[in-house]
Amino acid sequence: MTMLERKHLALLDEARRRGQSGTGNMRLCFEVLALASAIDRACAARLAPHHLSEGKFVLLFLLRDLPDGLAPHELAERAGVTRATITGLLDGLERDGFLERHGDKEDRRKVSVRLTTKGQTIALDLFNEHSQWIASLFADFDQNEREVLSGLLRRAWRNVEIPEKDSATIAAGVCR
């Protein structure tokens, strides 16, 4: 069932050919990457009919309970994106009728971003639907299995620390 990318299979084959140890660990890493990619693709496919990306969906969710809206820079900070990125996301959401920008009457430099009625409706409906879908990914796991998996993932996270000499290799895309 695990569908590894060709580049990962090629790396595994080369590592085996060279007699390197740890190919089982490499394969596990590639399986985790494949799962993450599959989840990303499924998420994108679920949001695409609504003309939304994950980034746009996050903005709708963040604005959902804020009738007075937020300034774009505050929204960028909460979403964890740059100001340049937020501008593009907001432009798309505004073009599709999900939000409006409102100028401050006293200070024309200030802008607040607020959801339209259409944006409010889609934010609520999609949040509920999306939350259920995300939860369903691990629905067959009991509490103990979720705790074990979470612990194992935390252990792997500790191994992700990137030594300076390896950061250029990873930046070049070898482990993607």
C-alpha atoms as a PDB file:
ATOM      1  CA  MET A   1       0.000   0.000   0.000  1.00  0.00           C
ATOM      2  CA  THR A   2       2.897   2.355   0.644  1.00  0.00           C
ATOM      3  CA  MET A   3       3.531   4.233  -2.539  1.00  0.00           C
ATOM      4  CA  LEU A   4       7.072   5.529  -2.454  1.00  0.00           C
ATOM      5  CA  GLU A   5       8.133   8.073  -5.046  1.00  0.00           C
ATOM      6  CA  ARG A   6      10.526   6.911  -7.731  1.00  0.00           C
ATOM      7  CA  LYS A   7      13.274   9.163  -6.400  1.00  0.00           C
ATOM      8  CA  HIS A   8      12.979   7.500  -2.994  1.00  0.00           C
ATOM      9  CA  LEU A   9      13.027   4.030  -4.507  1.00  0.00           C
ATOM     10  CA  ALA A  10      16.101   5.017  -6.522  1.00  0.00           C
ATOM     11  CA  LEU A  11      17.849   6.261  -3.379  1.00  0.00           C
ATOM     12  CA  LEU A  12      16.996   3.060  -1.542  1.00  0.00           C
ATOM     13  CA  ASP A  13      18.259   0.944  -4.433  1.00  0.00           C
ATOM     14  CA  GLU A  14      21.511   2.896  -4.575  1.00  0.00           C
ATOM     15  CA  ALA A  15      21.999   2.655  -0.817  1.00  0.00           C
ATOM     16  CA  ARG A  16      21.486  -1.122  -0.976  1.00  0.00           C
ATOM     17  CA  ARG A  17      23.819  -1.400  -3.969  1.00  0.00           C
ATOM     18  CA  ARG A  18      26.510   0.386  -1.977  1.00  0.00           C
ATOM     19  CA  GLY A  19      25.905  -1.894   0.999  1.00  0.00           C
ATOM     20  CA  GLN A  20      24.889   0.949   3.298  1.00  0.00           C
ATOM     21  CA  SER A  21      23.281   0.073   6.581  1.00  0.00           C
ATOM     22  CA  GLY A  22      20.093   1.773   7.694  1.00  0.00           C
ATOM     23  CA  THR A  23      18.084   1.308   4.505  1.00  0.00           C
ATOM     24  CA  GLY A  24      15.153   0.186   6.648  1.00  0.00           C
ATOM     25  CA  ASN A  25      15.292   3.504   8.478  1.00  0.00           C
ATOM     26  CA  MET A  26      15.571   5.343   5.158  1.00  0.00           C
ATOM     27  CA  ARG A  27      12.521   3.515   3.858  1.00  0.00           C
ATOM     28  CA  LEU A  28      10.557   4.447   6.984  1.00  0.00           C
ATOM     29  CA  CYS A  29      11.479   8.110   6.482  1.00  0.00           C
ATOM     30  CA  PHE A  30      10.306   7.931   2.874  1.00  0.00           C
ATOM     31  CA  GLU A  31       7.064   6.249   3.980  1.00  0.00           C
ATOM     32  CA  VAL A  32       6.394   9.124   6.401  1.00  0.00           C
ATOM     33  CA  LEU A  33       7.110  11.623   3.616  1.00  0.00           C
ATOM     34  CA  ALA A  34       4.799   9.719   1.252  1.00  0.00           C
ATOM     35  CA  LEU A  35       2.002   9.732   3.830  1.00  0.00           C
ATOM     36  CA  ALA A  36       2.425  13.467   4.439  1.00  0.00           C
ATOM     37  CA  SER A  37       2.341  14.100   0.681  1.00  0.00           C
ATOM     38  CA  ALA A  38      -0.770  11.952   0.282  1.00  0.00           C
ATOM     39  CA  ILE A  39      -2.516  13.861   3.072  1.00  0.00           C
ATOM     40  CA  ASP A  40      -1.527  17.173   1.467  1.00  0.00           C
ATOM     41  CA  ARG A  41      -2.866  16.053  -1.921  1.00  0.00           C
ATOM     42  CA  ALA A  42      -6.133  14.814  -0.389  1.00  0.00           C
ATOM     43  CA  CYS A  43      -6.513  18.077   1.518  1.00  0.00           C
ATOM     44  CA  ALA A  44      -5.937  20.112  -1.652  1.00  0.00           C
ATOM     45  CA  ALA A  45      -8.459  17.973  -3.549  1.00  0.00           C
ATOM     46  CA  ARG A  46     -11.084  18.495  -0.825  1.00  0.00           C
ATOM     47  CA  LEU A  47     -10.613  22.280  -0.832  1.00  0.00           C
ATOM     48  CA  ALA A  48     -10.235  22.798  -4.599  1.00  0.00           C
ATOM     49  CA  PRO A  49     -13.982  22.636  -5.445  1.00  0.00           C
ATOM     50  CA  HIS A  50     -14.422  25.644  -3.157  1.00  0.00           C
ATOM     51  CA  HIS A  51     -11.581  27.538  -4.913  1.00  0.00           C
ATOM     52  CA  LEU A  52      -9.524  27.298  -1.743  1.00  0.00           C
ATOM     53  CA  SER A  53      -5.995  26.292  -0.930  1.00  0.00           C
ATOM     54  CA  GLU A  54      -4.973  25.244   2.561  1.00  0.00           C
ATOM     55  CA  GLY A  55      -3.543  28.729   3.124  1.00  0.00           C
ATOM     56  CA  LYS A  56      -6.811  30.408   2.134  1.00  0.00           C
ATOM     57  CA  PHE A  57      -8.805  27.976   4.272  1.00  0.00           C
ATOM     58  CA  VAL A  58      -6.652  28.834   7.292  1.00  0.00           C
ATOM     59  CA  LEU A  59      -7.374  32.535   6.781  1.00  0.00           C
ATOM     60  CA  LEU A  60     -11.120  31.885   6.615  1.00  0.00           C
ATOM     61  CA  PHE A  61     -10.907  29.908   9.819  1.00  0.00           C
ATOM     62  CA  LEU A  62      -8.851  32.599  11.569  1.00  0.00           C
ATOM     63  CA  LEU A  63     -11.320  35.321  10.579  1.00  0.00           C
ATOM     64  CA  ARG A  64     -14.453  33.283  11.272  1.00  0.00           C
ATOM     65  CA  ASP A  65     -15.134  34.513  14.809  1.00  0.00           C
ATOM     66  CA  LEU A  66     -13.806  38.048  14.363  1.00  0.00           C
ATOM     67  CA  PRO A  67     -16.605  40.318  13.139  1.00  0.00           C
ATOM     68  CA  ASP A  68     -14.280  43.341  13.335  1.00  0.00           C
ATOM     69  CA  GLY A  69     -11.673  41.495  11.299  1.00  0.00           C
ATOM     70  CA  LEU A  70      -7.910  41.770  11.524  1.00  0.00           C
ATOM     71  CA  ALA A  71      -5.246  43.878   9.927  1.00  0.00           C
ATOM     72  CA  PRO A  72      -3.386  41.989   7.183  1.00  0.00           C
ATOM     73  CA  HIS A  73      -0.113  42.003   9.148  1.00  0.00           C
ATOM     74  CA  GLU A  74      -1.875  40.496  12.197  1.00  0.00           C
ATOM     75  CA  LEU A  75      -3.450  37.855   9.992  1.00  0.00           C
ATOM     76  CA  ALA A  76      -0.054  37.040   8.463  1.00  0.00           C
ATOM     77  CA  GLU A  77       1.432  36.618  11.923  1.00  0.00           C
ATOM     78  CA  ARG A  78      -1.367  34.339  13.133  1.00  0.00           C
ATOM     79  CA  ALA A  79      -1.225  32.248   9.947  1.00  0.00           C
ATOM     80  CA  GLY A  80       2.566  32.043  10.055  1.00  0.00           C
ATOM     81  CA  VAL A  81       3.101  33.518   6.589  1.00  0.00           C
ATOM     82  CA  THR A  82       4.927  36.554   5.255  1.00  0.00           C
ATOM     83  CA  ARG A  83       3.227  39.844   4.482  1.00  0.00           C
ATOM     84  CA  ALA A  84       3.880  39.238   0.787  1.00  0.00           C
ATOM     85  CA  THR A  85       2.162  35.856   0.955  1.00  0.00           C
ATOM     86  CA  ILE A  86      -0.809  37.242   2.865  1.00  0.00           C
ATOM     87  CA  THR A  87      -1.422  39.836   0.165  1.00  0.00           C
ATOM     88  CA  GLY A  88      -1.782  37.170  -2.525  1.00  0.00           C
ATOM     89  CA  LEU A  89      -4.017  35.002  -0.363  1.00  0.00           C
ATOM     90  CA  LEU A  90      -6.245  37.946   0.535  1.00  0.00           C
ATOM     91  CA  ASP A  91      -6.466  39.065  -3.092  1.00  0.00           C
ATOM     92  CA  GLY A  92      -7.723  35.622  -4.110  1.00  0.00           C
ATOM     93  CA  LEU A  93     -10.219  35.400  -1.266  1.00  0.00           C
ATOM     94  CA  GLU A  94     -11.511  38.880  -2.006  1.00  0.00           C
ATOM     95  CA  ARG A  95     -11.799  38.119  -5.733  1.00  0.00           C
ATOM     96  CA  ASP A  96     -13.869  35.013  -4.915  1.00  0.00           C
ATOM     97  CA  GLY A  97     -16.181  36.979  -2.605  1.00  0.00           C
ATOM     98  CA  PHE A  98     -15.070  35.404   0.679  1.00  0.00           C
ATOM     99  CA  LEU A  99     -13.798  38.574   2.317  1.00  0.00           C
ATOM    100  CA  GLU A 100     -13.659  42.345   2.077  1.00  0.00           C
ATOM    101  CA  ARG A 101     -11.037  44.877   3.045  1.00  0.00           C
ATOM    102  CA  HIS A 102     -12.320  47.812   5.076  1.00  0.00           C
ATOM    103  CA  GLY A 103     -10.426  51.064   5.472  1.00  0.00           C
ATOM    104  CA  ASP A 104     -10.278  52.814   8.818  1.00  0.00           C
ATOM    105  CA  LYS A 105     -12.303  56.041   8.781  1.00  0.00           C
ATOM    106  CA  GLU A 106      -9.789  57.872  10.967  1.00  0.00           C
ATOM    107  CA  ASP A 107      -6.526  56.482   9.582  1.00  0.00           C
ATOM    108  CA  ARG A 108      -6.584  55.639   5.879  1.00  0.00           C
ATOM    109  CA  ARG A 109      -3.368  53.606   6.223  1.00  0.00           C
ATOM    110  CA  LYS A 110      -5.171  51.040   8.387  1.00  0.00           C
ATOM    111  CA  VAL A 111      -7.140  48.238   6.809  1.00  0.00           C
ATOM    112  CA  SER A 112      -9.112  45.438   8.399  1.00  0.00           C
ATOM    113  CA  VAL A 113     -10.012  42.215   6.648  1.00  0.00           C
ATOM    114  CA  ARG A 114     -13.472  40.767   7.341  1.00  0.00           C
ATOM    115  CA  LEU A 115     -15.370  37.787   6.048  1.00  0.00           C
ATOM    116  CA  THR A 116     -18.433  38.314   3.896  1.00  0.00           C
ATOM    117  CA  THR A 117     -21.584  36.317   4.552  1.00  0.00           C
ATOM    118  CA  LYS A 118     -20.369  33.859   1.910  1.00  0.00           C
ATOM    119  CA  GLY A 119     -17.003  33.644   3.701  1.00  0.00           C
ATOM    120  CA  GLN A 120     -18.649  33.068   7.076  1.00  0.00           C
ATOM    121  CA  THR A 121     -20.846  30.299   5.699  1.00  0.00           C
ATOM    122  CA  ILE A 122     -18.035  28.454   3.911  1.00  0.00           C
ATOM    123  CA  ALA A 123     -15.689  28.884   6.890  1.00  0.00           C
ATOM    124  CA  LEU A 124     -18.154  27.245   9.266  1.00  0.00           C
ATOM    125  CA  ASP A 125     -19.239  24.469   6.902  1.00  0.00           C
ATOM    126  CA  LEU A 126     -15.741  23.630   5.729  1.00  0.00           C
ATOM    127  CA  PHE A 127     -14.215  23.799   9.177  1.00  0.00           C
ATOM    128  CA  ASN A 128     -16.668  21.211  10.456  1.00  0.00           C
ATOM    129  CA  GLU A 129     -16.244  18.996   7.389  1.00  0.00           C
ATOM    130  CA  HIS A 130     -12.460  19.354   7.328  1.00  0.00           C
ATOM    131  CA  SER A 131     -12.104  18.670  11.052  1.00  0.00           C
ATOM    132  CA  GLN A 132     -14.111  15.462  10.705  1.00  0.00           C
ATOM    133  CA  TRP A 133     -11.978  14.369   7.739  1.00  0.00           C
ATOM    134  CA  ILE A 134      -8.719  15.043   9.577  1.00  0.00           C
ATOM    135  CA  ALA A 135      -9.972  13.144  12.637  1.00  0.00           C
ATOM    136  CA  SER A 136     -11.012  10.245  10.398  1.00  0.00           C
ATOM    137  CA  LEU A 137      -7.420   9.710   9.257  1.00  0.00           C
ATOM    138  CA  PHE A 138      -6.656   8.080  12.604  1.00  0.00           C
ATOM    139  CA  ALA A 139     -10.161   6.902  13.515  1.00  0.00           C
ATOM    140  CA  ASP A 140      -9.121   3.237  13.496  1.00  0.00           C
ATOM    141  CA  PHE A 141      -6.461   3.920  16.131  1.00  0.00           C
ATOM    142  CA  ASP A 142      -7.349   3.432  19.768  1.00  0.00           C
ATOM    143  CA  GLN A 143      -6.099   5.859  22.431  1.00  0.00           C
ATOM    144  CA  ASN A 144      -3.052   3.726  23.219  1.00  0.00           C
ATOM    145  CA  GLU A 145      -2.057   3.469  19.550  1.00  0.00           C
ATOM    146  CA  ARG A 146      -2.376   7.234  19.105  1.00  0.00           C
ATOM    147  CA  GLU A 147      -0.179   7.818  22.159  1.00  0.00           C
ATOM    148  CA  VAL A 148       2.423   5.322  20.912  1.00  0.00           C
ATOM    149  CA  LEU A 149       2.474   6.883  17.449  1.00  0.00           C
ATOM    150  CA  SER A 150       2.705  10.363  18.932  1.00  0.00           C
ATOM    151  CA  GLY A 151       5.624   9.293  21.104  1.00  0.00           C
ATOM    152  CA  LEU A 152       7.412   7.687  18.173  1.00  0.00           C
ATOM    153  CA  LEU A 153       6.942  10.813  16.077  1.00  0.00           C
ATOM    154  CA  ARG A 154       8.342  12.958  18.894  1.00  0.00           C
ATOM    155  CA  ARG A 155      11.405  10.694  19.009  1.00  0.00           C
ATOM    156  CA  ALA A 156      11.884  11.120  15.269  1.00  0.00           C
ATOM    157  CA  TRP A 157      11.506  14.899  15.620  1.00  0.00           C
ATOM    158  CA  ARG A 158      14.447  14.929  18.026  1.00  0.00           C
ATOM    159  CA  ASN A 159      16.555  13.380  15.272  1.00  0.00           C
ATOM    160  CA  VAL A 160      15.650  16.090  12.780  1.00  0.00           C
ATOM    161  CA  GLU A 161      18.148  18.580  14.188  1.00  0.00           C
ATOM    162  CA  ILE A 162      20.156  19.617  11.144  1.00  0.00           C
ATOM    163  CA  PRO A 163      23.927  19.883  11.550  1.00  0.00           C
ATOM    164  CA  GLU A 164      25.336  22.892   9.675  1.00  0.00           C
ATOM    165  CA  LYS A 165      27.251  20.712   7.185  1.00  0.00           C
ATOM    166  CA  ASP A 166      24.059  18.839   6.213  1.00  0.00           C
ATOM    167  CA  SER A 167      21.730  21.828   5.807  1.00  0.00           C
ATOM    168  CA  ALA A 168      22.952  22.596   2.254  1.00  0.00           C
ATOM    169  CA  THR A 169      22.284  19.013   1.154  1.00  0.00           C
ATOM    170  CA  ILE A 170      18.785  19.060   2.582  1.00  0.00           C
ATOM    171  CA  ALA A 171      18.094  22.503   1.117  1.00  0.00           C
ATOM    172  CA  ALA A 172      19.018  21.025  -2.258  1.00  0.00           C
ATOM    173  CA  GLY A 173      16.056  18.660  -1.895  1.00  0.00           C
ATOM    174  CA  VAL A 174      17.760  15.344  -1.253  1.00  0.00           C
ATOM    175  CA  CYS A 175      15.312  14.391   1.522  1.00  0.00           C
ATOM    176  CA  ARG A 176      12.045  15.340  -0.144  1.00  0.00           C
END
